[in-house]
C-alpha atoms as a PDB file:
ATOM      1  CA  UNK A   1      15.705   9.332   0.178  1.00  0.00           C
ATOM      2  CA  UNK A   2      12.491   7.534  -0.805  1.00  0.00           C
ATOM      3  CA  UNK A   3       8.941   8.409   0.207  1.00  0.00           C
ATOM      4  CA  UNK A   4       5.503   6.934  -0.438  1.00  0.00           C
ATOM      5  CA  UNK A   5       1.978   7.320   0.897  1.00  0.00           C
ATOM      6  CA  UNK A   6       0.199   4.199   2.133  1.00  0.00           C
ATOM      7  CA  UNK A   7      -2.985   3.042   3.810  1.00  0.00           C
ATOM      8  CA  UNK A   8      -5.542   2.266   4.904  1.00  0.00           C
ATOM      9  CA  UNK A   9      -4.721   2.650   8.615  1.00  0.00           C
ATOM     10  CA  UNK A  10      -7.468   4.287  10.714  1.00  0.00           C
ATOM     11  CA  UNK A  11      -5.248   5.241  13.673  1.00  0.00           C
ATOM     12  CA  UNK A  12      -2.900   8.151  14.266  1.00  0.00           C
ATOM     13  CA  UNK A  13       0.687   6.926  14.042  1.00  0.00           C
ATOM     14  CA  UNK A  14       3.762   9.150  13.889  1.00  0.00           C
ATOM     15  CA  UNK A  15       7.326   7.943  14.216  1.00  0.00           C
ATOM     16  CA  UNK A  16      10.735   9.431  13.531  1.00  0.00           C
ATOM     17  CA  UNK A  17      13.679   7.035  13.865  1.00  0.00           C
ATOM     18  CA  UNK A  18      17.251   7.207  12.661  1.00  0.00           C
ATOM     19  CA  UNK A  19      16.304   6.236   9.097  1.00  0.00           C
ATOM     20  CA  UNK A  20      12.504   5.757   9.100  1.00  0.00           C
ATOM     21  CA  UNK A  21       9.850   8.432   9.383  1.00  0.00           C
ATOM     22  CA  UNK A  22       6.095   7.797   9.334  1.00  0.00           C
ATOM     23  CA  UNK A  23       3.614  10.665   9.419  1.00  0.00           C
ATOM     24  CA  UNK A  24      -0.162  10.643   9.650  1.00  0.00           C
ATOM     25  CA  UNK A  25      -1.630  12.537   6.710  1.00  0.00           C
ATOM     26  CA  UNK A  26      -4.136  15.366   7.356  1.00  0.00           C
ATOM     27  CA  UNK A  27      -7.878  14.750   7.750  1.00  0.00           C
ATOM     28  CA  UNK A  28      -7.542  11.188   9.079  1.00  0.00           C
ATOM     29  CA  UNK A  29     -10.885  11.336  10.920  1.00  0.00           C
ATOM     30  CA  UNK A  30     -12.638  12.574   7.781  1.00  0.00           C
ATOM     31  CA  UNK A  31     -11.151   9.702   5.752  1.00  0.00           C
ATOM     32  CA  UNK A  32     -12.143   7.115   8.362  1.00  0.00           C
ATOM     33  CA  UNK A  33     -15.694   8.497   8.593  1.00  0.00           C
ATOM     34  CA  UNK A  34     -15.910   8.611   4.792  1.00  0.00           C
ATOM     35  CA  UNK A  35     -14.939   4.944   4.426  1.00  0.00           C
ATOM     36  CA  UNK A  36     -17.240   3.889   7.284  1.00  0.00           C
ATOM     37  CA  UNK A  37     -20.154   5.504   5.403  1.00  0.00           C
ATOM     38  CA  UNK A  38     -19.719   3.292   2.330  1.00  0.00           C
ATOM     39  CA  UNK A  39     -22.635   0.989   1.593  1.00  0.00           C
ATOM     40  CA  UNK A  40     -20.136  -1.843   1.102  1.00  0.00           C
ATOM     41  CA  UNK A  41     -19.084  -1.730   4.786  1.00  0.00           C
ATOM     42  CA  UNK A  42     -20.548  -4.404   7.029  1.00  0.00           C
ATOM     43  CA  UNK A  43     -19.638  -5.663  10.494  1.00  0.00           C
ATOM     44  CA  UNK A  44     -16.179  -4.089  10.557  1.00  0.00           C
ATOM     45  CA  UNK A  45     -15.187  -5.088   7.018  1.00  0.00           C
ATOM     46  CA  UNK A  46     -15.016  -3.198   3.736  1.00  0.00           C
ATOM     47  CA  UNK A  47     -16.143  -5.166   0.706  1.00  0.00           C
ATOM     48  CA  UNK A  48     -15.583  -4.516  -2.979  1.00  0.00           C
ATOM     49  CA  UNK A  49     -18.503  -2.431  -4.285  1.00  0.00           C
ATOM     50  CA  UNK A  50     -20.987  -3.652  -6.859  1.00  0.00           C
ATOM     51  CA  UNK A  51     -19.836  -2.991 -10.400  1.00  0.00           C
ATOM     52  CA  UNK A  52     -21.692  -0.254 -12.227  1.00  0.00           C
ATOM     53  CA  UNK A  53     -22.135   0.054 -15.986  1.00  0.00           C
ATOM     54  CA  UNK A  54     -22.912   3.417 -17.579  1.00  0.00           C
ATOM     55  CA  UNK A  55     -24.718   3.494 -20.906  1.00  0.00           C
ATOM     56  CA  UNK A  56     -26.192   6.647 -22.416  1.00  0.00           C
ATOM     57  CA  UNK A  57     -26.238   8.459 -19.100  1.00  0.00           C
ATOM     58  CA  UNK A  58     -27.989   5.616 -17.298  1.00  0.00           C
ATOM     59  CA  UNK A  59     -26.144   3.679 -14.618  1.00  0.00           C
ATOM     60  CA  UNK A  60     -26.927  -0.008 -14.108  1.00  0.00           C
ATOM     61  CA  UNK A  61     -25.697  -1.780 -10.992  1.00  0.00           C
ATOM     62  CA  UNK A  62     -24.488  -5.231 -11.973  1.00  0.00           C
ATOM     63  CA  UNK A  63     -25.126  -8.268  -9.713  1.00  0.00           C
ATOM     64  CA  UNK A  64     -21.413  -8.845  -9.053  1.00  0.00           C
ATOM     65  CA  UNK A  65     -18.546  -6.815  -7.611  1.00  0.00           C
ATOM     66  CA  UNK A  66     -15.528  -5.317  -9.291  1.00  0.00           C
ATOM     67  CA  UNK A  67     -13.339  -7.289  -6.819  1.00  0.00           C
ATOM     68  CA  UNK A  68     -10.675  -4.559  -6.853  1.00  0.00           C
ATOM     69  CA  UNK A  69     -11.256  -1.262  -5.042  1.00  0.00           C
ATOM     70  CA  UNK A  70      -9.253   1.716  -3.850  1.00  0.00           C
ATOM     71  CA  UNK A  71      -8.841   3.120  -0.350  1.00  0.00           C
ATOM     72  CA  UNK A  72      -7.744   6.534   0.919  1.00  0.00           C
ATOM     73  CA  UNK A  73      -4.066   6.879   1.770  1.00  0.00           C
ATOM     74  CA  UNK A  74      -3.711   7.748   5.457  1.00  0.00           C
ATOM     75  CA  UNK A  75       0.035   7.888   6.152  1.00  0.00           C
ATOM     76  CA  UNK A  76       3.364   8.579   4.512  1.00  0.00           C
ATOM     77  CA  UNK A  77       6.638   6.744   5.063  1.00  0.00           C
ATOM     78  CA  UNK A  78      10.120   8.079   4.337  1.00  0.00           C
ATOM     79  CA  UNK A  79      13.485   6.330   4.410  1.00  0.00           C
ATOM     80  CA  UNK A  80      17.034   7.548   3.900  1.00  0.00           C
ATOM     81  CA  UNK A  81      17.549   4.709   1.425  1.00  0.00           C
ATOM     82  CA  UNK A  82      16.436   5.580  -2.106  1.00  0.00           C
ATOM     83  CA  UNK A  83      15.264   2.023  -2.902  1.00  0.00           C
ATOM     84  CA  UNK A  84      11.437   2.064  -3.187  1.00  0.00           C
ATOM     85  CA  UNK A  85      11.297  -1.705  -2.622  1.00  0.00           C
ATOM     86  CA  UNK A  86      12.539  -1.114   0.906  1.00  0.00           C
ATOM     87  CA  UNK A  87       9.499   1.083   1.548  1.00  0.00           C
ATOM     88  CA  UNK A  88       7.223  -1.635   0.160  1.00  0.00           C
ATOM     89  CA  UNK A  89       8.727  -4.127   2.572  1.00  0.00           C
ATOM     90  CA  UNK A  90       8.340  -1.784   5.552  1.00  0.00           C
ATOM     91  CA  UNK A  91       4.726  -0.967   4.624  1.00  0.00           C
ATOM     92  CA  UNK A  92       3.858  -4.658   4.383  1.00  0.00           C
ATOM     93  CA  UNK A  93       5.528  -5.475   7.707  1.00  0.00           C
ATOM     94  CA  UNK A  94       3.729  -2.526   9.289  1.00  0.00           C
ATOM     95  CA  UNK A  95       0.425  -3.877   7.954  1.00  0.00           C
ATOM     96  CA  UNK A  96       1.216  -7.371   9.201  1.00  0.00           C
ATOM     97  CA  UNK A  97       1.954  -6.121  12.712  1.00  0.00           C
ATOM     98  CA  UNK A  98      -1.037  -3.768  12.718  1.00  0.00           C
ATOM     99  CA  UNK A  99      -3.350  -6.594  11.639  1.00  0.00           C
ATOM    100  CA  UNK A 100      -4.582  -4.783   8.521  1.00  0.00           C
ATOM    101  CA  UNK A 101      -3.728  -5.003   4.867  1.00  0.00           C
ATOM    102  CA  UNK A 102      -1.590  -2.001   3.853  1.00  0.00           C
ATOM    103  CA  UNK A 103      -0.846  -0.914   0.320  1.00  0.00           C
ATOM    104  CA  UNK A 104       1.403   1.820  -1.108  1.00  0.00           C
ATOM    105  CA  UNK A 105      -0.322   4.500  -3.159  1.00  0.00           C
ATOM    106  CA  UNK A 106      -1.414   3.437  -6.618  1.00  0.00           C
ATOM    107  CA  UNK A 107      -2.351  -0.117  -5.612  1.00  0.00           C
ATOM    108  CA  UNK A 108      -5.780  -1.630  -5.037  1.00  0.00           C
ATOM    109  CA  UNK A 109      -7.385  -3.958  -2.496  1.00  0.00           C
ATOM    110  CA  UNK A 110      -8.942  -7.316  -3.396  1.00  0.00           C
ATOM    111  CA  UNK A 111     -12.458  -8.404  -2.363  1.00  0.00           C
ATOM    112  CA  UNK A 112     -12.428  -7.234   1.275  1.00  0.00           C
ATOM    113  CA  UNK A 113     -10.283  -5.687   3.974  1.00  0.00           C
ATOM    114  CA  UNK A 114     -10.911  -4.895   7.662  1.00  0.00           C
ATOM    115  CA  UNK A 115     -11.868  -1.459   8.921  1.00  0.00           C
ATOM    116  CA  UNK A 116     -10.206  -1.864  12.326  1.00  0.00           C
ATOM    117  CA  UNK A 117      -6.610  -2.566  13.305  1.00  0.00           C
ATOM    118  CA  UNK A 118      -5.777  -5.968  14.784  1.00  0.00           C
ATOM    119  CA  UNK A 119      -8.488  -7.719  12.762  1.00  0.00           C
ATOM    120  CA  UNK A 120      -6.147 -10.100  10.911  1.00  0.00           C
ATOM    121  CA  UNK A 121      -3.995 -11.294  13.826  1.00  0.00           C
ATOM    122  CA  UNK A 122      -4.167 -13.346  16.985  1.00  0.00           C
ATOM    123  CA  UNK A 123      -1.967 -10.700  18.641  1.00  0.00           C
ATOM    124  CA  UNK A 124      -2.308  -6.969  19.147  1.00  0.00           C
ATOM    125  CA  UNK A 125       0.589  -4.566  18.600  1.00  0.00           C
ATOM    126  CA  UNK A 126       0.721  -1.232  20.427  1.00  0.00           C
ATOM    127  CA  UNK A 127       2.295   1.843  18.815  1.00  0.00           C
ATOM    128  CA  UNK A 128       5.503   1.106  20.724  1.00  0.00           C
ATOM    129  CA  UNK A 129       5.529  -2.462  19.389  1.00  0.00           C
ATOM    130  CA  UNK A 130       4.851  -1.221  15.855  1.00  0.00           C
ATOM    131  CA  UNK A 131       7.919   1.014  16.089  1.00  0.00           C
ATOM    132  CA  UNK A 132      10.057  -1.857  17.380  1.00  0.00           C
ATOM    133  CA  UNK A 133       8.771  -4.070  14.574  1.00  0.00           C
ATOM    134  CA  UNK A 134       9.624  -1.465  11.939  1.00  0.00           C
ATOM    135  CA  UNK A 135      13.171  -1.183  13.245  1.00  0.00           C
ATOM    136  CA  UNK A 136      13.512  -4.986  13.281  1.00  0.00           C
ATOM    137  CA  UNK A 137      12.291  -5.139   9.673  1.00  0.00           C
ATOM    138  CA  UNK A 138      14.686  -2.367   8.667  1.00  0.00           C
ATOM    139  CA  UNK A 139      17.590  -4.192  10.303  1.00  0.00           C
ATOM    140  CA  UNK A 140      16.608  -7.375   8.455  1.00  0.00           C
ATOM    141  CA  UNK A 141      16.719  -5.465   5.165  1.00  0.00           C
ATOM    142  CA  UNK A 142      20.142  -4.039   6.078  1.00  0.00           C
ATOM    143  CA  UNK A 143      21.438  -7.539   6.680  1.00  0.00           C
ATOM    144  CA  UNK A 144      19.947  -9.324   3.684  1.00  0.00           C
ATOM    145  CA  UNK A 145      19.352  -6.620   1.092  1.00  0.00           C
ATOM    146  CA  UNK A 146      16.887  -6.014  -1.690  1.00  0.00           C
ATOM    147  CA  UNK A 147      17.781  -8.998  -3.850  1.00  0.00           C
ATOM    148  CA  UNK A 148      17.623 -11.636  -1.146  1.00  0.00           C
ATOM    149  CA  UNK A 149      14.942 -14.222  -1.884  1.00  0.00           C
ATOM    150  CA  UNK A 150      14.255 -14.486   1.831  1.00  0.00           C
ATOM    151  CA  UNK A 151      12.952 -10.917   1.924  1.00  0.00           C
ATOM    152  CA  UNK A 152      10.807 -11.555  -1.148  1.00  0.00           C
ATOM    153  CA  UNK A 153       9.415 -14.777   0.328  1.00  0.00           C
ATOM    154  CA  UNK A 154       8.665 -12.993   3.596  1.00  0.00           C
ATOM    155  CA  UNK A 155       6.612 -10.484   1.607  1.00  0.00           C
ATOM    156  CA  UNK A 156       4.928 -13.413  -0.142  1.00  0.00           C
ATOM    157  CA  UNK A 157       4.054 -15.028   3.194  1.00  0.00           C
ATOM    158  CA  UNK A 158       2.507 -11.795   4.482  1.00  0.00           C
ATOM    159  CA  UNK A 159       0.459 -11.315   1.325  1.00  0.00           C
ATOM    160  CA  UNK A 160      -0.728 -14.945   1.277  1.00  0.00           C
ATOM    161  CA  UNK A 161      -1.759 -14.515   4.927  1.00  0.00           C
ATOM    162  CA  UNK A 162      -3.835 -11.496   3.950  1.00  0.00           C
ATOM    163  CA  UNK A 163      -5.407 -13.381   1.040  1.00  0.00           C
ATOM    164  CA  UNK A 164      -6.320 -16.245   3.373  1.00  0.00           C
ATOM    165  CA  UNK A 165      -8.083 -13.868   5.757  1.00  0.00           C
ATOM    166  CA  UNK A 166     -10.474 -12.387   3.196  1.00  0.00           C
ATOM    167  CA  UNK A 167     -14.125 -12.815   4.053  1.00  0.00           C
ATOM    168  CA  UNK A 168     -16.383 -15.517   2.616  1.00  0.00           C
ATOM    169  CA  UNK A 169     -13.665 -17.990   1.650  1.00  0.00           C
ATOM    170  CA  UNK A 170     -14.435 -21.686   1.816  1.00  0.00           C
ATOM    171  CA  UNK A 171     -12.053 -23.693   3.973  1.00  0.00           C
ATOM    172  CA  UNK A 172     -10.238 -25.292   1.047  1.00  0.00           C
ATOM    173  CA  UNK A 173      -9.630 -21.804  -0.390  1.00  0.00           C
ATOM    174  CA  UNK A 174      -8.272 -20.576   2.934  1.00  0.00           C
ATOM    175  CA  UNK A 175      -6.194 -23.761   3.199  1.00  0.00           C
ATOM    176  CA  UNK A 176      -4.636 -23.115  -0.229  1.00  0.00           C
ATOM    177  CA  UNK A 177      -3.442 -19.620   0.721  1.00  0.00           C
ATOM    178  CA  UNK A 178      -2.355 -20.791   4.175  1.00  0.00           C
ATOM    179  CA  UNK A 179      -0.282 -23.583   2.653  1.00  0.00           C
ATOM    180  CA  UNK A 180       1.309 -21.147   0.207  1.00  0.00           C
ATOM    181  CA  UNK A 181       2.142 -18.902   3.167  1.00  0.00           C
ATOM    182  CA  UNK A 182       3.749 -21.868   4.953  1.00  0.00           C
ATOM    183  CA  UNK A 183       5.834 -22.671   1.879  1.00  0.00           C
ATOM    184  CA  UNK A 184       6.893 -19.021   1.625  1.00  0.00           C
ATOM    185  CA  UNK A 185       7.844 -19.119   5.324  1.00  0.00           C
ATOM    186  CA  UNK A 186       9.967 -22.177   4.672  1.00  0.00           C
ATOM    187  CA  UNK A 187      11.830 -20.548   1.798  1.00  0.00           C
ATOM    188  CA  UNK A 188      12.321 -17.354   3.812  1.00  0.00           C
ATOM    189  CA  UNK A 189      13.614 -19.433   6.745  1.00  0.00           C
ATOM    190  CA  UNK A 190      15.997 -21.257   4.443  1.00  0.00           C
ATOM    191  CA  UNK A 191      17.385 -18.018   3.002  1.00  0.00           C
ATOM    192  CA  UNK A 192      17.464 -15.957   6.202  1.00  0.00           C
ATOM    193  CA  UNK A 193      18.045 -18.559   8.931  1.00  0.00           C
ATOM    194  CA  UNK A 194      19.908 -21.218   6.967  1.00  0.00           C
ATOM    195  CA  UNK A 195      17.313 -23.974   7.297  1.00  0.00           C
ATOM    196  CA  UNK A 196      18.069 -25.107   3.744  1.00  0.00           C
ATOM    197  CA  UNK A 197      20.540 -27.595   5.234  1.00  0.00           C
ATOM    198  CA  UNK A 198      17.572 -29.436   6.776  1.00  0.00           C
ATOM    199  CA  UNK A 199      15.872 -32.179   4.756  1.00  0.00           C
ATOM    200  CA  UNK A 200      13.481 -29.981   2.805  1.00  0.00           C
ATOM    201  CA  UNK A 201      10.843 -32.602   2.007  1.00  0.00           C
ATOM    202  CA  UNK A 202       7.388 -31.159   2.664  1.00  0.00           C
ATOM    203  CA  UNK A 203       6.864 -33.513   5.596  1.00  0.00           C
ATOM    204  CA  UNK A 204       9.965 -32.158   7.381  1.00  0.00           C
ATOM    205  CA  UNK A 205       9.541 -28.427   6.853  1.00  0.00           C
ATOM    206  CA  UNK A 206       6.967 -27.743   9.568  1.00  0.00           C
ATOM    207  CA  UNK A 207       8.893 -29.638  12.220  1.00  0.00           C
ATOM    208  CA  UNK A 208      12.148 -27.919  11.235  1.00  0.00           C
ATOM    209  CA  UNK A 209      10.567 -24.463  11.545  1.00  0.00           C
ATOM    210  CA  UNK A 210       8.818 -25.392  14.800  1.00  0.00           C
ATOM    211  CA  UNK A 211      12.115 -26.530  16.314  1.00  0.00           C
ATOM    212  CA  UNK A 212      14.131 -23.556  15.048  1.00  0.00           C
ATOM    213  CA  UNK A 213      11.690 -20.873  16.203  1.00  0.00           C
ATOM    214  CA  UNK A 214      10.555 -22.832  19.293  1.00  0.00           C
ATOM    215  CA  UNK A 215       6.934 -22.905  18.144  1.00  0.00           C
ATOM    216  CA  UNK A 216       4.451 -25.381  19.598  1.00  0.00           C
ATOM    217  CA  UNK A 217       4.857 -28.540  17.529  1.00  0.00           C
ATOM    218  CA  UNK A 218       1.816 -28.891  15.265  1.00  0.00           C
ATOM    219  CA  UNK A 219      -0.283 -32.035  15.443  1.00  0.00           C
ATOM    220  CA  UNK A 220      -0.749 -31.783  11.683  1.00  0.00           C
ATOM    221  CA  UNK A 221       2.688 -32.850  10.484  1.00  0.00           C
ATOM    222  CA  UNK A 222       0.890 -35.048   7.921  1.00  0.00           C
ATOM    223  CA  UNK A 223      -0.163 -31.813   6.235  1.00  0.00           C
ATOM    224  CA  UNK A 224       1.497 -32.782   2.898  1.00  0.00           C
ATOM    225  CA  UNK A 225      -1.008 -35.651   2.529  1.00  0.00           C
ATOM    226  CA  UNK A 226      -3.890 -33.193   2.807  1.00  0.00           C
ATOM    227  CA  UNK A 227      -2.123 -30.847   0.440  1.00  0.00           C
ATOM    228  CA  UNK A 228      -1.480 -33.569  -2.154  1.00  0.00           C
ATOM    229  CA  UNK A 229      -5.114 -34.676  -2.156  1.00  0.00           C
ATOM    230  CA  UNK A 230      -6.326 -31.109  -2.456  1.00  0.00           C
ATOM    231  CA  UNK A 231      -3.841 -29.812  -5.025  1.00  0.00           C
ATOM    232  CA  UNK A 232      -3.459 -32.905  -7.184  1.00  0.00           C
ATOM    233  CA  UNK A 233      -6.797 -34.706  -6.823  1.00  0.00           C
ATOM    234  CA  UNK A 234      -9.262 -31.890  -5.958  1.00  0.00           C
ATOM    235  CA  UNK A 235     -10.340 -33.916  -2.917  1.00  0.00           C
ATOM    236  CA  UNK A 236     -10.474 -33.273   0.808  1.00  0.00           C
ATOM    237  CA  UNK A 237     -11.046 -35.789   3.602  1.00  0.00           C
ATOM    238  CA  UNK A 238     -13.767 -35.602   6.230  1.00  0.00           C
ATOM    239  CA  UNK A 239     -11.937 -38.209   8.310  1.00  0.00           C
ATOM    240  CA  UNK A 240     -13.635 -41.249   6.813  1.00  0.00           C
ATOM    241  CA  UNK A 241     -13.410 -40.705   3.055  1.00  0.00           C
ATOM    242  CA  UNK A 242     -12.258 -38.183   0.488  1.00  0.00           C
ATOM    243  CA  UNK A 243     -14.858 -35.806  -0.937  1.00  0.00           C
ATOM    244  CA  UNK A 244     -14.839 -33.119  -3.641  1.00  0.00           C
ATOM    245  CA  UNK A 245     -13.707 -29.653  -2.589  1.00  0.00           C
ATOM    246  CA  UNK A 246     -16.233 -27.804  -0.473  1.00  0.00           C
ATOM    247  CA  UNK A 247     -17.956 -30.933   0.861  1.00  0.00           C
ATOM    248  CA  UNK A 248     -15.780 -31.408   3.938  1.00  0.00           C
ATOM    249  CA  UNK A 249     -13.979 -29.293   6.510  1.00  0.00           C
ATOM    250  CA  UNK A 250     -10.956 -30.298   8.559  1.00  0.00           C
ATOM    251  CA  UNK A 251     -11.278 -29.349  12.259  1.00  0.00           C
ATOM    252  CA  UNK A 252      -8.332 -28.542  14.480  1.00  0.00           C
ATOM    253  CA  UNK A 253      -6.972 -31.616  16.277  1.00  0.00           C
ATOM    254  CA  UNK A 254      -6.516 -29.637  19.509  1.00  0.00           C
ATOM    255  CA  UNK A 255      -9.717 -27.596  19.350  1.00  0.00           C
ATOM    256  CA  UNK A 256     -12.436 -29.047  17.071  1.00  0.00           C
ATOM    257  CA  UNK A 257     -14.442 -25.817  17.333  1.00  0.00           C
ATOM    258  CA  UNK A 258     -11.956 -23.906  15.151  1.00  0.00           C
ATOM    259  CA  UNK A 259     -10.955 -24.545  11.529  1.00  0.00           C
ATOM    260  CA  UNK A 260      -7.791 -26.474  10.844  1.00  0.00           C
ATOM    261  CA  UNK A 261      -6.550 -23.614   8.642  1.00  0.00           C
ATOM    262  CA  UNK A 262      -6.759 -21.242  11.637  1.00  0.00           C
ATOM    263  CA  UNK A 263      -3.859 -23.098  13.262  1.00  0.00           C
ATOM    264  CA  UNK A 264      -1.905 -22.981  10.009  1.00  0.00           C
ATOM    265  CA  UNK A 265      -2.201 -19.194   9.877  1.00  0.00           C
ATOM    266  CA  UNK A 266      -1.218 -18.905  13.542  1.00  0.00           C
ATOM    267  CA  UNK A 267       1.906 -20.905  12.727  1.00  0.00           C
ATOM    268  CA  UNK A 268       2.654 -18.562   9.807  1.00  0.00           C
ATOM    269  CA  UNK A 269       2.392 -15.488  12.047  1.00  0.00           C
ATOM    270  CA  UNK A 270       4.807 -16.955  14.565  1.00  0.00           C
ATOM    271  CA  UNK A 271       7.362 -17.771  11.888  1.00  0.00           C
ATOM    272  CA  UNK A 272       7.111 -14.247  10.465  1.00  0.00           C
ATOM    273  CA  UNK A 273       7.617 -12.695  13.910  1.00  0.00           C
ATOM    274  CA  UNK A 274      10.594 -15.035  14.401  1.00  0.00           C
ATOM    275  CA  UNK A 275      12.082 -14.083  11.029  1.00  0.00           C
ATOM    276  CA  UNK A 276      11.849 -10.422  12.037  1.00  0.00           C
ATOM    277  CA  UNK A 277      13.896 -11.240  15.162  1.00  0.00           C
ATOM    278  CA  UNK A 278      11.374  -9.493  17.392  1.00  0.00           C
ATOM    279  CA  UNK A 279      11.627 -10.032  21.182  1.00  0.00           C
ATOM    280  CA  UNK A 280       8.438 -12.080  21.273  1.00  0.00           C
ATOM    281  CA  UNK A 281       9.342 -15.483  22.722  1.00  0.00           C
ATOM    282  CA  UNK A 282       6.158 -15.781  24.792  1.00  0.00           C
ATOM    283  CA  UNK A 283       3.944 -15.110  21.797  1.00  0.00           C
ATOM    284  CA  UNK A 284       5.915 -17.416  19.510  1.00  0.00           C
ATOM    285  CA  UNK A 285       5.636 -20.225  22.074  1.00  0.00           C
ATOM    286  CA  UNK A 286       1.951 -19.578  22.851  1.00  0.00           C
ATOM    287  CA  UNK A 287      -0.965 -21.822  21.913  1.00  0.00           C
ATOM    288  CA  UNK A 288      -2.212 -21.663  18.340  1.00  0.00           C
ATOM    289  CA  UNK A 289      -5.772 -22.668  19.222  1.00  0.00           C
ATOM    290  CA  UNK A 290      -6.777 -19.702  21.367  1.00  0.00           C
ATOM    291  CA  UNK A 291      -9.318 -17.365  19.789  1.00  0.00           C
ATOM    292  CA  UNK A 292      -8.188 -14.532  22.069  1.00  0.00           C
ATOM    293  CA  UNK A 293      -5.653 -11.924  20.962  1.00  0.00           C
ATOM    294  CA  UNK A 294      -2.378 -12.229  22.812  1.00  0.00           C
ATOM    295  CA  UNK A 295       0.397  -9.842  23.775  1.00  0.00           C
ATOM    296  CA  UNK A 296       3.078  -9.618  21.103  1.00  0.00           C
ATOM    297  CA  UNK A 297       6.316  -8.604  22.813  1.00  0.00           C
ATOM    298  CA  UNK A 298       7.827 -10.029  25.995  1.00  0.00           C
END
């Protein structure tokens, strides 16, 4: 049996399945109130605190943050399997479905993380849906095992999604993480769903995943051109000419009021839900340009 504490999740959640058990640790309300009182909390987000330097008993607050910061552990997860990597995977899937970054004990958060559940997703998962998602993730691990690259790439996609959703990123920074998440989704789809038999050129990967998972076909199938300019030339197009990074944003083709990278991350979420084999056809097939949270399961 393996066990680890994790967090930060501000809601009570207890579950006891055949192999998985999650328990809310004591004093949850105190921990939530404690974090909410931090001076680095603003508008529902927790930011890395300013770095402090102590010299001769005097503390100087430096004008930049430490970037990394710790959070209280709020829950514990147990599994009959003794492999700790399985617990990591389940914690990360739980965080993905809950719409919050989750970390096992002993690991830090980077730059910023939300204070409320659901903040990182365009869907909302109830406690019942979280339990179903955990069992789906556990079944996926049973089928593919610890050493399968698909599992590792699925973890990579989830983490890149979290990195892309940090506050204060410029669009080209968010695009970079979103594209890495898409690439991780492709590799996971190849390993888990057998899409490696499809022509794996960058231009074909999005369409192949859209067809396989029955996701709305993106209008940005020329994404590799944007990626090549950004990654290899440090340029991004405003529609008329290429400009240095940070001097242009790419709007969504379907909804110009939202960033282009927003659709990319919506696509990533739908692929991840599809890889988990969750009963979520309506969500997977739903529009990727709505700013409203949608129901997850059918």
